[in-house]
PDB file of N, CA and C in Angstrom:
ATOM      1  N   MET A   1      37.606   0.981  14.272  1.00  0.00           N
ATOM      2  CA  MET A   1      38.483   1.512  15.299  1.00  0.00           C
ATOM      3  C   MET A   1      39.888   0.937  15.113  1.00  0.00           C
ATOM      4  N   LEU A   2      40.877   1.770  15.320  1.00  0.00           N
ATOM      5  CA  LEU A   2      42.258   1.335  15.166  1.00  0.00           C
ATOM      6  C   LEU A   2      42.688   0.499  16.364  1.00  0.00           C
ATOM      7  N   GLN A   3      43.444  -0.544  16.082  1.00  0.00           N
ATOM      8  CA  GLN A   3      43.939  -1.416  17.137  1.00  0.00           C
ATOM      9  C   GLN A   3      45.312  -0.940  17.601  1.00  0.00           C
ATOM     10  N   HIS A   4      45.468  -0.800  18.912  1.00  0.00           N
ATOM     11  CA  HIS A   4      46.743  -0.458  19.520  1.00  0.00           C
ATOM     12  C   HIS A   4      47.147  -1.611  20.426  1.00  0.00           C
ATOM     13  N   PRO A   5      48.425  -1.944  20.482  1.00  0.00           N
ATOM     14  CA  PRO A   5      48.846  -3.037  21.354  1.00  0.00           C
ATOM     15  C   PRO A   5      48.745  -2.636  22.827  1.00  0.00           C
ATOM     16  N   THR A   6      48.527  -3.621  23.665  1.00  0.00           N
ATOM     17  CA  THR A   6      48.587  -3.371  25.105  1.00  0.00           C
ATOM     18  C   THR A   6      50.058  -3.274  25.493  1.00  0.00           C
ATOM     19  N   VAL A   7      50.314  -2.812  26.689  1.00  0.00           N
ATOM     20  CA  VAL A   7      51.692  -2.700  27.169  1.00  0.00           C
ATOM     21  C   VAL A   7      52.379  -4.063  27.123  1.00  0.00           C
ATOM     22  N   ASP A   8      51.663  -5.113  27.463  1.00  0.00           N
ATOM     23  CA  ASP A   8      52.233  -6.468  27.469  1.00  0.00           C
ATOM     24  C   ASP A   8      52.566  -6.971  26.064  1.00  0.00           C
ATOM     25  N   GLN A   9      51.929  -6.417  25.049  1.00  0.00           N
ATOM     26  CA  GLN A   9      52.167  -6.852  23.674  1.00  0.00           C
ATOM     27  C   GLN A   9      53.324  -6.100  22.999  1.00  0.00           C
ATOM     28  N   ILE A  10      53.821  -5.052  23.619  1.00  0.00           N
ATOM     29  CA  ILE A  10      54.915  -4.278  23.030  1.00  0.00           C
ATOM     30  C   ILE A  10      56.231  -4.993  23.308  1.00  0.00           C
ATOM     31  N   SER A  11      57.025  -5.186  22.233  1.00  0.00           N
ATOM     32  CA  SER A  11      58.314  -5.854  22.410  1.00  0.00           C
ATOM     33  C   SER A  11      59.440  -4.948  21.930  1.00  0.00           C
ATOM     34  N   LEU A  12      60.523  -4.954  22.681  1.00  0.00           N
ATOM     35  CA  LEU A  12      61.671  -4.113  22.338  1.00  0.00           C
ATOM     36  C   LEU A  12      62.228  -4.423  20.952  1.00  0.00           C
ATOM     37  N   PRO A  13      62.397  -5.690  20.564  1.00  0.00           N
ATOM     38  CA  PRO A  13      62.902  -5.954  19.208  1.00  0.00           C
ATOM     39  C   PRO A  13      62.010  -5.359  18.112  1.00  0.00           C
ATOM     40  N   GLN A  14      60.691  -5.436  18.296  1.00  0.00           N
ATOM     41  CA  GLN A  14      59.787  -4.879  17.296  1.00  0.00           C
ATOM     42  C   GLN A  14      59.888  -3.346  17.256  1.00  0.00           C
ATOM     43  N   VAL A  15      59.971  -2.717  18.419  1.00  0.00           N
ATOM     44  CA  VAL A  15      60.113  -1.258  18.475  1.00  0.00           C
ATOM     45  C   VAL A  15      61.407  -0.838  17.788  1.00  0.00           C
ATOM     46  N   LEU A  16      62.494  -1.511  18.083  1.00  0.00           N
ATOM     47  CA  LEU A  16      63.779  -1.161  17.471  1.00  0.00           C
ATOM     48  C   LEU A  16      63.754  -1.379  15.964  1.00  0.00           C
ATOM     49  N   ALA A  17      63.097  -2.441  15.518  1.00  0.00           N
ATOM     50  CA  ALA A  17      63.003  -2.701  14.081  1.00  0.00           C
ATOM     51  C   ALA A  17      62.215  -1.596  13.385  1.00  0.00           C
ATOM     52  N   VAL A  18      61.127  -1.171  13.997  1.00  0.00           N
ATOM     53  CA  VAL A  18      60.300  -0.109  13.423  1.00  0.00           C
ATOM     54  C   VAL A  18      61.081   1.202  13.356  1.00  0.00           C
ATOM     55  N   LEU A  19      61.904   1.461  14.359  1.00  0.00           N
ATOM     56  CA  LEU A  19      62.667   2.712  14.396  1.00  0.00           C
ATOM     57  C   LEU A  19      63.911   2.667  13.512  1.00  0.00           C
ATOM     58  N   GLY A  20      64.132   1.564  12.822  1.00  0.00           N
ATOM     59  CA  GLY A  20      65.261   1.451  11.913  1.00  0.00           C
ATOM     60  C   GLY A  20      65.030   2.138  10.575  1.00  0.00           C
ATOM     61  N   ASP A  21      63.891   2.784  10.406  1.00  0.00           N
ATOM     62  CA  ASP A  21      63.560   3.470   9.160  1.00  0.00           C
ATOM     63  C   ASP A  21      63.698   4.977   9.364  1.00  0.00           C
ATOM     64  N   GLN A  22      64.350   5.658   8.435  1.00  0.00           N
ATOM     65  CA  GLN A  22      64.602   7.095   8.585  1.00  0.00           C
ATOM     66  C   GLN A  22      63.326   7.923   8.596  1.00  0.00           C
ATOM     67  N   THR A  23      62.347   7.557   7.804  1.00  0.00           N
ATOM     68  CA  THR A  23      61.093   8.316   7.787  1.00  0.00           C
ATOM     69  C   THR A  23      60.378   8.192   9.119  1.00  0.00           C
ATOM     70  N   ARG A  24      60.349   6.978   9.669  1.00  0.00           N
ATOM     71  CA  ARG A  24      59.689   6.788  10.958  1.00  0.00           C
ATOM     72  C   ARG A  24      60.448   7.501  12.071  1.00  0.00           C
ATOM     73  N   LEU A  25      61.769   7.539  11.995  1.00  0.00           N
ATOM     74  CA  LEU A  25      62.543   8.298  12.976  1.00  0.00           C
ATOM     75  C   LEU A  25      62.252   9.793  12.859  1.00  0.00           C
ATOM     76  N   ALA A  26      62.100  10.281  11.642  1.00  0.00           N
ATOM     77  CA  ALA A  26      61.770  11.694  11.433  1.00  0.00           C
ATOM     78  C   ALA A  26      60.390  12.014  12.007  1.00  0.00           C
ATOM     79  N   ILE A  27      59.427  11.128  11.795  1.00  0.00           N
ATOM     80  CA  ILE A  27      58.086  11.313  12.356  1.00  0.00           C
ATOM     81  C   ILE A  27      58.176  11.378  13.878  1.00  0.00           C
ATOM     82  N   LEU A  28      58.880  10.444  14.473  1.00  0.00           N
ATOM     83  CA  LEU A  28      59.017  10.400  15.917  1.00  0.00           C
ATOM     84  C   LEU A  28      59.738  11.637  16.449  1.00  0.00           C
ATOM     85  N   GLY A  29      60.759  12.109  15.731  1.00  0.00           N
ATOM     86  CA  GLY A  29      61.459  13.327  16.125  1.00  0.00           C
ATOM     87  C   GLY A  29      60.540  14.536  16.124  1.00  0.00           C
ATOM     88  N   ASP A  30      59.711  14.650  15.081  1.00  0.00           N
ATOM     89  CA  ASP A  30      58.739  15.751  15.016  1.00  0.00           C
ATOM     90  C   ASP A  30      57.759  15.670  16.179  1.00  0.00           C
ATOM     91  N   LEU A  31      57.279  14.469  16.469  1.00  0.00           N
ATOM     92  CA  LEU A  31      56.344  14.296  17.578  1.00  0.00           C
ATOM     93  C   LEU A  31      56.996  14.668  18.910  1.00  0.00           C
ATOM     94  N   ALA A  32      58.240  14.271  19.101  1.00  0.00           N
ATOM     95  CA  ALA A  32      58.952  14.564  20.344  1.00  0.00           C
ATOM     96  C   ALA A  32      59.154  16.070  20.521  1.00  0.00           C
ATOM     97  N   ARG A  33      59.455  16.772  19.437  1.00  0.00           N
ATOM     98  CA  ARG A  33      59.659  18.222  19.525  1.00  0.00           C
ATOM     99  C   ARG A  33      58.361  18.962  19.835  1.00  0.00           C
ATOM    100  N   ARG A  34      57.236  18.400  19.444  1.00  0.00           N
ATOM    101  CA  ARG A  34      55.939  19.049  19.665  1.00  0.00           C
ATOM    102  C   ARG A  34      55.358  18.745  21.039  1.00  0.00           C
ATOM    103  N   GLY A  35      55.919  17.805  21.757  1.00  0.00           N
ATOM    104  CA  GLY A  35      55.415  17.472  23.091  1.00  0.00           C
ATOM    105  C   GLY A  35      54.084  16.751  23.033  1.00  0.00           C
ATOM    106  N   ASP A  36      53.167  17.156  23.892  1.00  0.00           N
ATOM    107  CA  ASP A  36      51.874  16.478  23.997  1.00  0.00           C
ATOM    108  C   ASP A  36      50.822  17.025  23.048  1.00  0.00           C
ATOM    109  N   GLU A  37      51.205  17.947  22.192  1.00  0.00           N
ATOM    110  CA  GLU A  37      50.259  18.549  21.253  1.00  0.00           C
ATOM    111  C   GLU A  37      49.822  17.524  20.208  1.00  0.00           C
ATOM    112  N   PRO A  38      48.504  17.290  20.064  1.00  0.00           N
ATOM    113  CA  PRO A  38      48.050  16.368  19.019  1.00  0.00           C
ATOM    114  C   PRO A  38      48.317  16.966  17.637  1.00  0.00           C
ATOM    115  N   LEU A  39      48.706  16.121  16.711  1.00  0.00           N
ATOM    116  CA  LEU A  39      49.028  16.579  15.361  1.00  0.00           C
ATOM    117  C   LEU A  39      48.201  15.837  14.326  1.00  0.00           C
ATOM    118  N   ALA A  40      47.891  16.522  13.254  1.00  0.00           N
ATOM    119  CA  ALA A  40      47.200  15.897  12.122  1.00  0.00           C
ATOM    120  C   ALA A  40      48.235  15.270  11.201  1.00  0.00           C
ATOM    121  N   CYS A  41      47.835  14.248  10.482  1.00  0.00           N
ATOM    122  CA  CYS A  41      48.745  13.575   9.547  1.00  0.00           C
ATOM    123  C   CYS A  41      49.306  14.555   8.519  1.00  0.00           C
ATOM    124  N   ALA A  42      48.525  15.556   8.152  1.00  0.00           N
ATOM    125  CA  ALA A  42      48.958  16.534   7.150  1.00  0.00           C
ATOM    126  C   ALA A  42      50.186  17.315   7.603  1.00  0.00           C
ATOM    127  N   GLU A  43      50.448  17.363   8.896  1.00  0.00           N
ATOM    128  CA  GLU A  43      51.605  18.090   9.419  1.00  0.00           C
ATOM    129  C   GLU A  43      52.931  17.448   8.983  1.00  0.00           C
ATOM    130  N   PHE A  44      52.864  16.220   8.491  1.00  0.00           N
ATOM    131  CA  PHE A  44      54.072  15.490   8.118  1.00  0.00           C
ATOM    132  C   PHE A  44      54.245  15.377   6.607  1.00  0.00           C
ATOM    133  N   LYS A  45      53.475  16.146   5.843  1.00  0.00           N
ATOM    134  CA  LYS A  45      53.453  15.988   4.386  1.00  0.00           C
ATOM    135  C   LYS A  45      54.803  16.195   3.718  1.00  0.00           C
ATOM    136  N   LEU A  46      55.725  16.875   4.372  1.00  0.00           N
ATOM    137  CA  LEU A  46      57.055  17.055   3.793  1.00  0.00           C
ATOM    138  C   LEU A  46      57.887  15.774   3.839  1.00  0.00           C
ATOM    139  N   LEU A  47      57.437  14.806   4.621  1.00  0.00           N
ATOM    140  CA  LEU A  47      58.186  13.552   4.767  1.00  0.00           C
ATOM    141  C   LEU A  47      57.787  12.481   3.758  1.00  0.00           C
ATOM    142  N   GLY A  48      56.720  12.708   2.999  1.00  0.00           N
ATOM    143  CA  GLY A  48      56.322  11.709   2.017  1.00  0.00           C
ATOM    144  C   GLY A  48      54.883  11.889   1.574  1.00  0.00           C
ATOM    145  N   SER A  49      54.457  10.996   0.690  1.00  0.00           N
ATOM    146  CA  SER A  49      53.084  11.033   0.189  1.00  0.00           C
ATOM    147  C   SER A  49      52.118  10.564   1.275  1.00  0.00           C
ATOM    148  N   LYS A  50      50.853  10.839   1.069  1.00  0.00           N
ATOM    149  CA  LYS A  50      49.826  10.460   2.043  1.00  0.00           C
ATOM    150  C   LYS A  50      49.809   8.948   2.269  1.00  0.00           C
ATOM    151  N   SER A  51      49.878   8.175   1.192  1.00  0.00           N
ATOM    152  CA  SER A  51      49.841   6.712   1.347  1.00  0.00           C
ATOM    153  C   SER A  51      51.113   6.191   2.021  1.00  0.00           C
ATOM    154  N   ASN A  52      52.243   6.789   1.711  1.00  0.00           N
ATOM    155  CA  ASN A  52      53.503   6.397   2.328  1.00  0.00           C
ATOM    156  C   ASN A  52      53.482   6.701   3.822  1.00  0.00           C
ATOM    157  N   LEU A  53      52.980   7.874   4.172  1.00  0.00           N
ATOM    158  CA  LEU A  53      52.903   8.237   5.586  1.00  0.00           C
ATOM    159  C   LEU A  53      51.929   7.341   6.338  1.00  0.00           C
ATOM    160  N   SER A  54      50.808   6.998   5.708  1.00  0.00           N
ATOM    161  CA  SER A  54      49.843   6.093   6.344  1.00  0.00           C
ATOM    162  C   SER A  54      50.501   4.765   6.688  1.00  0.00           C
ATOM    163  N   TYR A  55      51.322   4.267   5.783  1.00  0.00           N
ATOM    164  CA  TYR A  55      52.055   3.021   6.015  1.00  0.00           C
ATOM    165  C   TYR A  55      52.971   3.158   7.240  1.00  0.00           C
ATOM    166  N   HIS A  56      53.732   4.252   7.288  1.00  0.00           N
ATOM    167  CA  HIS A  56      54.671   4.458   8.395  1.00  0.00           C
ATOM    168  C   HIS A  56      53.947   4.662   9.723  1.00  0.00           C
ATOM    169  N   PHE A  57      52.835   5.416   9.708  1.00  0.00           N
ATOM    170  CA  PHE A  57      52.055   5.596  10.931  1.00  0.00           C
ATOM    171  C   PHE A  57      51.529   4.249  11.428  1.00  0.00           C
ATOM    172  N   ALA A  58      51.077   3.407  10.511  1.00  0.00           N
ATOM    173  CA  ALA A  58      50.562   2.087  10.893  1.00  0.00           C
ATOM    174  C   ALA A  58      51.659   1.249  11.546  1.00  0.00           C
ATOM    175  N   LYS A  59      52.849   1.268  10.985  1.00  0.00           N
ATOM    176  CA  LYS A  59      53.954   0.489  11.561  1.00  0.00           C
ATOM    177  C   LYS A  59      54.298   0.991  12.964  1.00  0.00           C
ATOM    178  N   LEU A  60      54.341   2.311  13.146  1.00  0.00           N
ATOM    179  CA  LEU A  60      54.626   2.884  14.461  1.00  0.00           C
ATOM    180  C   LEU A  60      53.521   2.543  15.461  1.00  0.00           C
ATOM    181  N   ARG A  61      52.269   2.606  15.021  1.00  0.00           N
ATOM    182  CA  ARG A  61      51.135   2.286  15.887  1.00  0.00           C
ATOM    183  C   ARG A  61      51.143   0.812  16.270  1.00  0.00           C
ATOM    184  N   GLU A  62      51.356  -0.069  15.298  1.00  0.00           N
ATOM    185  CA  GLU A  62      51.358  -1.512  15.558  1.00  0.00           C
ATOM    186  C   GLU A  62      52.461  -1.927  16.523  1.00  0.00           C
ATOM    187  N   ALA A  63      53.567  -1.180  16.523  1.00  0.00           N
ATOM    188  CA  ALA A  63      54.664  -1.486  17.439  1.00  0.00           C
ATOM    189  C   ALA A  63      54.446  -0.865  18.829  1.00  0.00           C
ATOM    190  N   GLY A  64      53.430  -0.004  18.948  1.00  0.00           N
ATOM    191  CA  GLY A  64      53.137   0.627  20.215  1.00  0.00           C
ATOM    192  C   GLY A  64      53.937   1.882  20.478  1.00  0.00           C
ATOM    193  N   VAL A  65      54.530   2.445  19.428  1.00  0.00           N
ATOM    194  CA  VAL A  65      55.358   3.641  19.578  1.00  0.00           C
ATOM    195  C   VAL A  65      54.503   4.908  19.609  1.00  0.00           C
ATOM    196  N   ILE A  66      53.428   4.935  18.813  1.00  0.00           N
ATOM    197  CA  ILE A  66      52.540   6.091  18.787  1.00  0.00           C
ATOM    198  C   ILE A  66      51.095   5.643  18.985  1.00  0.00           C
ATOM    199  N   ARG A  67      50.269   6.589  19.334  1.00  0.00           N
ATOM    200  CA  ARG A  67      48.823   6.343  19.457  1.00  0.00           C
ATOM    201  C   ARG A  67      48.142   7.215  18.411  1.00  0.00           C
ATOM    202  N   VAL A  68      47.285   6.598  17.604  1.00  0.00           N
ATOM    203  CA  VAL A  68      46.604   7.291  16.518  1.00  0.00           C
ATOM    204  C   VAL A  68      45.109   7.296  16.802  1.00  0.00           C
ATOM    205  N   GLU A  69      44.496   8.456  16.627  1.00  0.00           N
ATOM    206  CA  GLU A  69      43.054   8.579  16.806  1.00  0.00           C
ATOM    207  C   GLU A  69      42.457   9.205  15.555  1.00  0.00           C
ATOM    208  N   PRO A  70      41.345   8.629  15.074  1.00  0.00           N
ATOM    209  CA  PRO A  70      40.716   9.205  13.869  1.00  0.00           C
ATOM    210  C   PRO A  70      40.084  10.566  14.168  1.00  0.00           C
TER     211      PRO A  70
END
């Protein structure tokens, strides 16, 4: 099971650091435009390779910016 931080574990400096990457900002922008619709990782394939995207999703999840479900 994937670990997500609790609200108390989320820190603004970590969130801002994670959002300092253009690929992660693009992912977040796509998510924001789609609203509450769940998306598959494959929907972001134009932003990078599968392994590269997995890395970026993990960083966003660890910072508490996104929630990922298998």
